Amino acid sequence: MADNTDQKVEPLSPVEVTNNYNQANTPYGLNGVAIFHESDHEQVQSYRDMEAVEQDYGIDSDVWKQANSYFTGLNASNGLVQVISFNKNYGNSTGGPIVTPPGGTNNTDDKKGDVK
């Protein structure tokens, strides 16, 4: 019979598996999403549920689709969707005011004005 006195055999202990599932929670009131919507006017609208969104936007619109995916997720009971509509023609050649920068110049290289 072979001599096994030089070999050390250490028994294994049972394996213990621990699972921790943590979910990040933001404080109440900080949940929300902003949807930028190209329009012919400027406006900010706030919605707390999908029924309110459906009153203003059809089911084929991008705003409805994004709001629906937000409200059907984890945010159904504590959600806030803000739709920020902006005028797509604001400030271009088709209309809208051009805002003069502070100092009253257009920041050109003619060295006139008091912009430094």
C-alpha atoms as a PDB file:
ATOM      1  CA  MET A   1       0.000   0.000   0.000  1.00  0.00           C
ATOM      2  CA  ALA A   2       1.300   3.511  -0.823  1.00  0.00           C
ATOM      3  CA  ASP A   3       2.351   5.845   1.920  1.00  0.00           C
ATOM      4  CA  ASN A   4       0.336   9.164   1.825  1.00  0.00           C
ATOM      5  CA  THR A   5       1.893  10.796   4.851  1.00  0.00           C
ATOM      6  CA  ASP A   6       3.620  13.540   2.755  1.00  0.00           C
ATOM      7  CA  GLN A   7       0.386  14.734   1.114  1.00  0.00           C
ATOM      8  CA  LYS A   8      -2.052  16.958   2.931  1.00  0.00           C
ATOM      9  CA  VAL A   9      -5.696  16.692   2.103  1.00  0.00           C
ATOM     10  CA  GLU A  10      -7.871  19.447   3.499  1.00  0.00           C
ATOM     11  CA  PRO A  11     -11.596  18.974   3.405  1.00  0.00           C
ATOM     12  CA  LEU A  12     -13.645  21.736   1.782  1.00  0.00           C
ATOM     13  CA  SER A  13     -16.238  23.536   3.787  1.00  0.00           C
ATOM     14  CA  PRO A  14     -19.767  23.939   2.416  1.00  0.00           C
ATOM     15  CA  VAL A  15     -20.162  26.768  -0.093  1.00  0.00           C
ATOM     16  CA  GLU A  16     -22.287  29.671   1.038  1.00  0.00           C
ATOM     17  CA  VAL A  17     -23.847  31.918  -1.624  1.00  0.00           C
ATOM     18  CA  THR A  18     -25.284  35.288  -0.699  1.00  0.00           C
ATOM     19  CA  ASN A  19     -27.226  37.450  -3.142  1.00  0.00           C
ATOM     20  CA  ASN A  20     -27.923  41.093  -2.491  1.00  0.00           C
ATOM     21  CA  TYR A  21     -30.201  42.917  -4.852  1.00  0.00           C
ATOM     22  CA  ASN A  22     -29.980  46.662  -4.371  1.00  0.00           C
ATOM     23  CA  GLN A  23     -32.044  49.143  -6.298  1.00  0.00           C
ATOM     24  CA  ALA A  24     -31.101  52.793  -6.399  1.00  0.00           C
ATOM     25  CA  ASN A  25     -33.953  54.955  -5.198  1.00  0.00           C
ATOM     26  CA  THR A  26     -34.034  58.674  -5.716  1.00  0.00           C
ATOM     27  CA  PRO A  27     -35.769  60.862  -3.154  1.00  0.00           C
ATOM     28  CA  TYR A  28     -39.432  61.599  -3.743  1.00  0.00           C
ATOM     29  CA  GLY A  29     -39.878  64.493  -6.107  1.00  0.00           C
ATOM     30  CA  LEU A  30     -36.648  63.973  -8.026  1.00  0.00           C
ATOM     31  CA  ASN A  31     -38.004  61.268 -10.334  1.00  0.00           C
ATOM     32  CA  GLY A  32     -38.864  62.546 -13.755  1.00  0.00           C
ATOM     33  CA  VAL A  33     -37.956  62.913 -17.375  1.00  0.00           C
ATOM     34  CA  ALA A  34     -37.876  65.882 -19.740  1.00  0.00           C
ATOM     35  CA  ILE A  35     -38.948  65.411 -23.346  1.00  0.00           C
ATOM     36  CA  PHE A  36     -37.919  68.073 -25.852  1.00  0.00           C
ATOM     37  CA  HIS A  37     -40.570  68.564 -28.503  1.00  0.00           C
ATOM     38  CA  GLU A  38     -40.078  70.546 -31.699  1.00  0.00           C
ATOM     39  CA  SER A  39     -43.119  72.717 -32.283  1.00  0.00           C
ATOM     40  CA  ASP A  40     -44.254  76.053 -33.642  1.00  0.00           C
ATOM     41  CA  HIS A  41     -44.560  77.537 -30.138  1.00  0.00           C
ATOM     42  CA  GLU A  42     -42.752  77.520 -26.810  1.00  0.00           C
ATOM     43  CA  GLN A  43     -44.303  75.876 -23.770  1.00  0.00           C
ATOM     44  CA  VAL A  44     -43.558  73.657 -20.757  1.00  0.00           C
ATOM     45  CA  GLN A  45     -46.148  71.093 -19.692  1.00  0.00           C
ATOM     46  CA  SER A  46     -46.024  68.730 -16.711  1.00  0.00           C
ATOM     47  CA  TYR A  47     -47.785  65.364 -16.591  1.00  0.00           C
ATOM     48  CA  ARG A  48     -48.213  62.939 -13.682  1.00  0.00           C
ATOM     49  CA  ASP A  49     -49.934  60.108 -15.560  1.00  0.00           C
ATOM     50  CA  MET A  50     -50.530  58.741 -19.021  1.00  0.00           C
ATOM     51  CA  GLU A  51     -54.157  59.889 -19.154  1.00  0.00           C
ATOM     52  CA  ALA A  52     -53.041  63.520 -19.031  1.00  0.00           C
ATOM     53  CA  VAL A  53     -50.520  62.939 -21.826  1.00  0.00           C
ATOM     54  CA  GLU A  54     -53.193  61.314 -23.991  1.00  0.00           C
ATOM     55  CA  GLN A  55     -55.330  64.459 -23.775  1.00  0.00           C
ATOM     56  CA  ASP A  56     -52.629  66.518 -25.500  1.00  0.00           C
ATOM     57  CA  TYR A  57     -50.732  64.041 -27.700  1.00  0.00           C
ATOM     58  CA  GLY A  58     -51.858  61.238 -30.011  1.00  0.00           C
ATOM     59  CA  ILE A  59     -50.591  57.669 -29.739  1.00  0.00           C
ATOM     60  CA  ASP A  60     -48.536  58.082 -32.911  1.00  0.00           C
ATOM     61  CA  SER A  61     -46.523  61.011 -31.556  1.00  0.00           C
ATOM     62  CA  ASP A  62     -42.993  60.664 -30.216  1.00  0.00           C
ATOM     63  CA  VAL A  63     -43.992  62.412 -26.985  1.00  0.00           C
ATOM     64  CA  TRP A  64     -46.715  59.826 -26.323  1.00  0.00           C
ATOM     65  CA  LYS A  65     -44.349  56.921 -27.031  1.00  0.00           C
ATOM     66  CA  GLN A  66     -41.612  58.240 -24.724  1.00  0.00           C
ATOM     67  CA  ALA A  67     -44.056  59.090 -21.947  1.00  0.00           C
ATOM     68  CA  ASN A  68     -45.731  55.689 -22.261  1.00  0.00           C
ATOM     69  CA  SER A  69     -42.424  53.850 -21.889  1.00  0.00           C
ATOM     70  CA  TYR A  70     -41.594  55.990 -18.850  1.00  0.00           C
ATOM     71  CA  PHE A  71     -44.944  55.501 -17.092  1.00  0.00           C
ATOM     72  CA  THR A  72     -45.180  51.766 -17.829  1.00  0.00           C
ATOM     73  CA  GLY A  73     -41.808  51.196 -16.178  1.00  0.00           C
ATOM     74  CA  LEU A  74     -41.087  51.597 -12.499  1.00  0.00           C
ATOM     75  CA  ASN A  75     -42.447  55.140 -12.455  1.00  0.00           C
ATOM     76  CA  ALA A  76     -46.150  54.428 -12.822  1.00  0.00           C
ATOM     77  CA  SER A  77     -47.083  55.720  -9.370  1.00  0.00           C
ATOM     78  CA  ASN A  78     -44.444  58.394  -8.797  1.00  0.00           C
ATOM     79  CA  GLY A  79     -43.644  59.746 -12.220  1.00  0.00           C
ATOM     80  CA  LEU A  80     -43.259  63.179 -13.697  1.00  0.00           C
ATOM     81  CA  VAL A  81     -42.946  63.894 -17.400  1.00  0.00           C
ATOM     82  CA  GLN A  82     -42.250  67.428 -18.540  1.00  0.00           C
ATOM     83  CA  VAL A  83     -42.658  68.238 -22.211  1.00  0.00           C
ATOM     84  CA  ILE A  84     -40.567  71.213 -23.262  1.00  0.00           C
ATOM     85  CA  SER A  85     -41.825  72.534 -26.583  1.00  0.00           C
ATOM     86  CA  PHE A  86     -39.525  74.819 -28.523  1.00  0.00           C
ATOM     87  CA  ASN A  87     -40.098  76.890 -31.638  1.00  0.00           C
ATOM     88  CA  LYS A  88     -38.167  75.331 -34.490  1.00  0.00           C
ATOM     89  CA  ASN A  89     -38.085  78.653 -36.370  1.00  0.00           C
ATOM     90  CA  TYR A  90     -36.865  80.798 -33.464  1.00  0.00           C
ATOM     91  CA  GLY A  91     -33.928  83.031 -34.392  1.00  0.00           C
ATOM     92  CA  ASN A  92     -33.406  81.938 -37.986  1.00  0.00           C
ATOM     93  CA  SER A  93     -34.115  83.824 -41.194  1.00  0.00           C
ATOM     94  CA  THR A  94     -37.799  82.846 -41.284  1.00  0.00           C
ATOM     95  CA  GLY A  95     -38.671  84.745 -38.126  1.00  0.00           C
ATOM     96  CA  GLY A  96     -37.968  85.216 -34.482  1.00  0.00           C
ATOM     97  CA  PRO A  97     -35.902  87.841 -32.726  1.00  0.00           C
ATOM     98  CA  ILE A  98     -32.144  87.974 -32.856  1.00  0.00           C
ATOM     99  CA  VAL A  99     -30.814  88.622 -29.360  1.00  0.00           C
ATOM    100  CA  THR A 100     -27.935  91.080 -29.088  1.00  0.00           C
ATOM    101  CA  PRO A 101     -25.208  89.860 -26.725  1.00  0.00           C
ATOM    102  CA  PRO A 102     -24.322  91.884 -23.611  1.00  0.00           C
ATOM    103  CA  GLY A 103     -22.245  94.943 -24.505  1.00  0.00           C
ATOM    104  CA  GLY A 104     -24.261  95.672 -27.626  1.00  0.00           C
ATOM    105  CA  THR A 105     -21.874  94.201 -30.210  1.00  0.00           C
ATOM    106  CA  ASN A 106     -21.845  91.098 -32.327  1.00  0.00           C
ATOM    107  CA  ASN A 107     -18.336  90.103 -31.192  1.00  0.00           C
ATOM    108  CA  THR A 108     -16.778  90.836 -34.562  1.00  0.00           C
ATOM    109  CA  ASP A 109     -13.089  91.425 -35.204  1.00  0.00           C
ATOM    110  CA  ASP A 110     -13.493  95.138 -35.959  1.00  0.00           C
ATOM    111  CA  LYS A 111     -12.376  96.016 -32.364  1.00  0.00           C
ATOM    112  CA  LYS A 112     -15.372  98.314 -31.871  1.00  0.00           C
ATOM    113  CA  GLY A 113     -17.575  98.161 -28.827  1.00  0.00           C
ATOM    114  CA  ASP A 114     -16.836  97.372 -25.237  1.00  0.00           C
ATOM    115  CA  VAL A 115     -16.740  93.565 -25.390  1.00  0.00           C
ATOM    116  CA  LYS A 116     -13.360  92.285 -24.206  1.00  0.00           C
END
